[in-house]
Protein backbone atom coordinates (compact mmCIF):
# COMPACT_ATOMS: atom_id res chain seq x y z
CA UNK A 1 80.97 115.75 95.98
CA UNK A 2 83.32 113.68 99.14
CA UNK A 3 84.41 110.64 96.28
CA UNK A 4 84.27 106.38 98.74
CA UNK A 5 87.79 104.53 99.49
CA UNK A 6 87.29 100.87 99.68
CA UNK A 7 89.26 98.62 102.29
CA UNK A 8 88.81 94.61 102.56
CA UNK A 9 89.37 94.11 105.78
CA UNK A 10 91.00 91.14 108.03
CA UNK A 11 88.80 89.60 110.37
CA UNK A 12 87.23 85.94 109.86
CA UNK A 13 83.67 86.78 108.83
CA UNK A 14 84.33 88.88 105.72
CA UNK A 15 84.09 92.30 105.99
CA UNK A 16 84.37 95.75 103.73
CA UNK A 17 85.09 99.38 105.15
CA UNK A 18 83.56 102.17 102.99
CA UNK A 19 85.23 105.99 104.55
CA UNK A 20 85.42 109.30 102.49
CA UNK A 21 88.26 110.18 101.07
CA UNK A 22 89.89 112.48 97.62
CA UNK A 23 91.34 110.01 95.60
CA UNK A 24 89.56 109.40 92.54
CA UNK A 25 87.24 105.90 92.56
CA UNK A 26 86.68 103.58 89.60
CA UNK A 27 83.73 101.55 89.19
CA UNK A 28 83.45 98.30 90.93
CA UNK A 29 80.89 95.41 91.18
CA UNK A 30 80.87 93.87 94.60
CA UNK A 31 79.45 90.46 95.25
CA UNK A 32 77.86 87.60 93.85
CA UNK A 33 75.93 89.51 91.62
CA UNK A 34 78.01 92.25 90.79
CA UNK A 35 75.88 95.39 92.79
CA UNK A 36 77.68 98.79 91.31
CA UNK A 37 79.50 101.26 93.18
CA UNK A 38 82.66 103.22 92.45
CA UNK A 39 85.40 103.28 94.84
CA UNK A 40 89.03 104.28 94.93
CA UNK A 41 90.94 100.87 96.53
CA UNK A 42 93.09 101.08 99.56
CA UNK A 43 92.60 105.09 99.02
CA UNK A 44 94.15 106.93 102.23
CA UNK A 45 91.02 107.85 104.36
CA UNK A 46 90.02 112.48 103.91
CA UNK A 47 89.24 112.82 108.08
CA UNK A 48 90.13 112.09 111.45
CA UNK A 49 88.16 110.56 114.37
CA UNK A 50 85.47 109.63 111.63
CA UNK A 51 82.62 106.70 114.11
CA UNK A 52 81.97 103.78 112.96
CA UNK A 53 78.61 102.73 111.68
CA UNK A 54 78.42 98.64 110.74
CA UNK A 55 75.80 97.61 108.38
CA UNK A 56 73.97 93.58 108.93
CA UNK A 57 71.89 92.49 106.70
CA UNK A 58 68.50 90.15 106.74
CA UNK A 59 69.38 86.19 106.06
CA UNK A 60 70.50 84.30 103.51
CA UNK A 61 71.59 88.42 102.12
CA UNK A 62 74.15 90.76 101.61
CA UNK A 63 75.23 93.43 102.57
CA UNK A 64 75.42 94.83 99.13
CA UNK A 65 71.78 95.17 98.54
CA UNK A 66 72.28 98.42 101.31
CA UNK A 67 75.57 99.76 99.39
CA UNK A 68 73.72 103.02 98.20
CA UNK A 69 73.22 104.42 102.31
CA UNK A 70 76.52 102.85 102.99
CA UNK A 71 78.06 105.34 100.96
CA UNK A 72 76.17 108.07 101.33
CA UNK A 73 76.89 107.52 104.96
CA UNK A 74 80.83 107.30 104.41
CA UNK A 75 80.53 110.90 102.25
CA UNK A 76 78.99 112.15 105.57
CA UNK A 77 81.99 111.36 107.25
CA UNK A 78 81.93 107.80 108.82
CA UNK A 79 83.75 104.27 108.73
CA UNK A 80 81.44 102.54 106.82
CA UNK A 81 82.03 98.50 107.71
CA UNK A 82 79.72 96.64 106.19
CA UNK A 83 79.82 93.36 107.35
CA UNK A 84 78.90 89.34 105.43
CA UNK A 85 77.54 86.97 108.25
CA UNK A 86 79.11 83.68 107.60
CA UNK A 87 76.81 80.80 107.53
CA UNK A 88 73.77 82.95 106.69
CA UNK A 89 74.87 85.10 103.44
CA UNK A 90 74.37 84.96 100.22
CA UNK A 91 76.07 81.79 98.95
CA UNK A 92 76.56 80.20 102.59
CA UNK A 93 73.53 80.08 104.09
CA UNK A 94 74.12 76.45 106.42
CA UNK A 95 73.46 78.74 109.62
CA UNK A 96 69.63 80.67 109.01
CA UNK A 97 67.03 79.62 111.74
CA UNK A 98 69.67 78.14 114.32
CA UNK A 99 70.90 79.00 118.06
CA UNK A 100 73.74 79.55 116.52
CA UNK A 101 73.51 82.08 113.71
CA UNK A 102 71.71 84.37 116.64
CA UNK A 103 75.45 83.84 118.65
CA UNK A 104 77.42 84.51 115.97
CA UNK A 105 75.94 87.62 114.90
CA UNK A 106 76.85 90.31 117.16
CA UNK A 107 80.61 88.28 117.92
CA UNK A 108 80.96 89.22 114.00
CA UNK A 109 79.82 92.78 114.86
CA UNK A 110 82.15 92.92 117.33
CA UNK A 111 85.72 91.32 115.49
CA UNK A 112 84.53 93.98 112.37
CA UNK A 113 84.80 96.87 114.62
CA UNK A 114 88.18 95.59 115.66
CA UNK A 115 89.11 95.10 112.56
CA UNK A 116 88.20 98.64 111.67
CA UNK A 117 90.05 99.61 114.26
CA UNK A 118 93.22 98.12 114.08
CA UNK A 119 93.45 98.48 110.26
CA UNK A 120 96.41 99.83 109.03
CA UNK A 121 94.84 102.56 106.27
CA UNK A 122 91.59 103.34 107.94
CA UNK A 123 92.61 102.80 111.86
CA UNK A 124 94.33 105.95 112.95
CA UNK A 125 90.85 107.88 111.49
CA UNK A 126 88.69 106.35 113.21
CA UNK A 127 86.70 107.03 116.55
CA UNK A 128 85.77 103.71 118.29
CA UNK A 129 81.72 105.16 118.85
CA UNK A 130 79.91 103.08 117.16
CA UNK A 131 76.04 102.90 115.01
CA UNK A 132 74.73 99.30 114.52
CA UNK A 133 72.35 99.82 110.98
CA UNK A 134 70.43 96.56 110.03
CA UNK A 135 67.90 95.49 107.99
CA UNK A 136 65.29 92.05 108.48
CA UNK A 137 67.56 89.78 110.69
CA UNK A 138 70.48 92.60 110.50
CA UNK A 139 67.71 94.51 112.78
CA UNK A 140 68.10 91.53 115.14
CA UNK A 141 72.16 91.99 115.28
CA UNK A 142 71.87 95.45 116.20
CA UNK A 143 69.37 95.24 119.30
CA UNK A 144 71.99 92.25 120.32
CA UNK A 145 75.68 94.48 120.59
CA UNK A 146 73.22 96.97 121.68
CA UNK A 147 71.93 95.27 124.80
CA UNK A 148 69.07 92.78 123.97
CA UNK A 149 68.84 89.42 125.63
CA UNK A 150 67.26 87.06 122.86
CA UNK A 151 65.55 83.68 122.43
CA UNK A 152 65.71 81.08 119.80
CA UNK A 153 62.37 80.13 119.32
CA UNK A 154 61.24 76.25 119.93
CA UNK A 155 61.18 75.29 115.51
CA UNK A 156 64.53 76.62 116.06
CA UNK A 157 65.78 74.25 119.15
CA UNK A 158 67.41 71.02 119.46
CA UNK A 159 64.85 70.31 122.22
CA UNK A 160 62.04 71.83 121.29
CA UNK A 161 61.42 74.66 123.40
CA UNK A 162 62.58 78.28 123.33
CA UNK A 163 66.35 78.60 125.33
CA UNK A 164 68.32 81.55 125.38
CA UNK A 165 71.13 83.12 123.23
CA UNK A 166 73.92 84.34 125.22
CA UNK A 167 75.38 87.15 123.30
CA UNK A 168 77.37 89.84 124.41
CA UNK A 169 77.03 94.07 124.40
CA UNK A 170 79.47 95.82 122.50
CA UNK A 171 79.23 98.83 125.13
CA UNK A 172 80.63 101.08 121.80
CA UNK A 173 77.56 101.19 120.52
CA UNK A 174 75.97 104.40 121.02
CA UNK A 175 73.13 104.46 118.69
CA UNK A 176 71.20 102.14 116.66
CA UNK A 177 69.11 102.08 112.86
CA UNK A 178 67.03 99.43 112.57
CA UNK A 179 65.08 98.99 108.52
CA UNK A 180 61.93 96.70 108.89
CA UNK A 181 63.67 95.07 111.47
CA UNK A 182 62.87 90.95 112.04
CA UNK A 183 63.21 91.05 116.29
CA UNK A 184 61.27 88.22 117.07
CA UNK A 185 64.33 87.01 119.24
CA UNK A 186 63.07 90.06 121.57
CA UNK A 187 59.62 88.93 122.55
CA UNK A 188 59.91 88.17 125.84
CA UNK A 189 58.98 90.59 128.91
CA UNK A 190 62.35 91.35 129.84
CA UNK A 191 64.38 90.50 126.81
CA UNK A 192 65.15 94.62 125.55
CA UNK A 193 64.78 95.55 129.34
CA UNK A 194 69.36 96.94 128.32
CA UNK A 195 68.39 98.55 125.78
CA UNK A 196 69.45 102.10 126.72
CA UNK A 197 70.85 103.49 123.16
CA UNK A 198 69.01 105.86 120.64
CA UNK A 199 67.49 104.21 118.06
CA UNK A 200 65.96 105.14 114.90
CA UNK A 201 63.22 101.84 113.55
CA UNK A 202 62.03 102.61 109.62
CA UNK A 203 59.25 99.96 108.30
CA UNK A 204 57.29 99.63 105.95
CA UNK A 205 53.35 99.94 105.92
CA UNK A 206 53.02 96.90 102.86
CA UNK A 207 56.47 94.38 104.51
CA UNK A 208 54.13 90.82 104.73
CA UNK A 209 57.57 89.36 106.72
CA UNK A 210 58.05 91.67 109.17
CA UNK A 211 54.73 93.76 109.97
CA UNK A 212 55.18 96.75 111.30
CA UNK A 213 52.41 95.89 114.23
CA UNK A 214 55.09 93.20 114.99
CA UNK A 215 57.44 95.34 115.10
CA UNK A 216 55.86 97.62 117.30
CA UNK A 217 54.55 95.60 119.75
CA UNK A 218 58.24 94.23 121.16
CA UNK A 219 59.98 97.13 121.07
CA UNK A 220 56.94 97.89 123.79
CA UNK A 221 59.44 95.79 126.08
CA UNK A 222 61.96 98.73 125.62
CA UNK A 223 62.57 101.10 129.06
CA UNK A 224 59.54 103.62 129.48
CA UNK A 225 62.40 106.64 128.76
CA UNK A 226 63.81 104.78 125.69
CA UNK A 227 64.42 107.27 122.69
CA UNK A 228 63.25 105.67 119.59
CA UNK A 229 62.52 107.91 116.45
CA UNK A 230 60.09 105.25 114.90
CA UNK A 231 57.97 105.49 111.22
CA UNK A 232 55.64 103.98 109.23
CA UNK A 233 56.91 104.34 105.36
CA UNK A 234 53.71 104.84 103.03
CA UNK A 235 52.87 102.50 100.88
CA UNK A 236 56.27 100.63 101.09
CA UNK A 237 57.82 96.38 101.62
CA UNK A 238 60.45 94.84 102.47
CA UNK A 239 63.07 95.56 100.63
CA UNK A 240 62.10 99.26 100.36
CA UNK A 241 65.38 99.83 102.31
CA UNK A 242 67.13 98.43 99.76
CA UNK A 243 69.82 100.23 97.21
CA UNK A 244 67.58 100.31 93.88
CA UNK A 245 68.28 96.92 91.44
CA UNK A 246 70.27 97.60 87.96
CA UNK A 247 67.22 97.22 85.42
CA UNK A 248 69.02 93.95 84.89
CA UNK A 249 68.56 92.11 87.64
CA UNK A 250 64.80 93.82 88.29
CA UNK A 251 62.75 90.21 88.12
CA UNK A 252 59.99 88.34 90.39
CA UNK A 253 62.55 86.23 90.89
CA UNK A 254 64.63 87.88 92.65
CA UNK A 255 62.58 89.60 95.85
CA UNK A 256 64.84 92.15 96.80
CA UNK A 257 64.35 94.03 93.46
CA UNK A 258 60.51 94.36 93.76
CA UNK A 259 58.25 96.41 95.30
CA UNK A 260 54.17 96.47 96.04
CA UNK A 261 52.55 97.91 93.25
CA UNK A 262 52.62 101.78 93.48
CA UNK A 263 55.36 102.33 95.63
CA UNK A 264 59.10 104.28 93.73
CA UNK A 265 62.00 103.21 96.01
CA UNK A 266 64.28 105.28 93.69
CA UNK A 267 62.97 108.92 94.89
CA UNK A 268 62.18 107.21 98.07
CA UNK A 269 66.02 106.85 98.75
CA UNK A 270 67.07 110.28 99.26
CA UNK A 271 64.51 110.80 102.44
CA UNK A 272 65.82 107.40 103.75
CA UNK A 273 69.42 108.46 103.30
CA UNK A 274 69.36 111.89 105.16
CA UNK A 275 67.17 110.60 108.10
CA UNK A 276 69.97 107.93 108.89
CA UNK A 277 72.71 110.29 108.32
CA UNK A 278 71.20 112.74 110.52
CA UNK A 279 70.11 109.99 113.87
CA UNK A 280 73.98 108.50 113.73
CA UNK A 281 75.32 112.36 112.54
CA UNK A 282 73.55 113.74 116.45
CA UNK A 283 74.60 110.93 118.36
CA UNK A 284 78.09 110.03 117.18
CA UNK A 285 79.19 113.01 116.02
CA UNK A 286 78.42 115.67 118.54
CA UNK A 287 78.61 113.35 121.17
CA UNK A 288 82.66 112.12 119.73
CA UNK A 289 82.89 116.27 119.92
CA UNK A 290 82.61 116.79 123.33
CA UNK A 291 85.31 114.62 124.78
């Protein structure tokens, strides 16, 4: 099996690159809870013109919850950038629920892509073909960089009325993966009119935070010819798309470690990995090969 290289990227918003390598990995613990992943530090990259997949986490969360999916994508021949959003991540959540957070997330995304392309180890082997992958509020990030026009809702603004958020799409984004996406900022009729990239959307049947019907209703605002691969995962909750938690961390006090009764997150993960890898390969690698 292809090993995974690791590289911390130089950007104001903390970002971490995973990529294929032939160097031997060693166990690491990432994030504030020591999430395990075996990687080779600053190892040489195996491959050239590797497309980039940027992972945006949920509100107040960490990208390391998606480490197993990120590792599967990296092993498949991609540079995966795990982005931490200042002001809306674990231990630094002062901007949660504010227009500043909505405005900042897409900027962090673009800066992370720039950092990966400029990095001394990763950059020479990376391609500016990019996929946006987001879980929960990370889905907001993915749609915003793909051309969505968000509104901060009345309870999030100082004026008490909905206000447009100034965001700039990243033209390098060629497709997006939305996992239990929190898209409430895109409820306006024309909010998704400029989103033209293919989307892979997965929601959980028993997600109480982002119900599938709410996601479906918002995505109806996409152009009529939009390419959308959408499915509801039977029995899944909001955190089904995150990596299974180490046994010592499985507790009702840690909501991301929990699933609805009867749902087997461990059994579901391989199907998720396969679907996401196939999607990004179809829309990034095949296009890159034709350039």
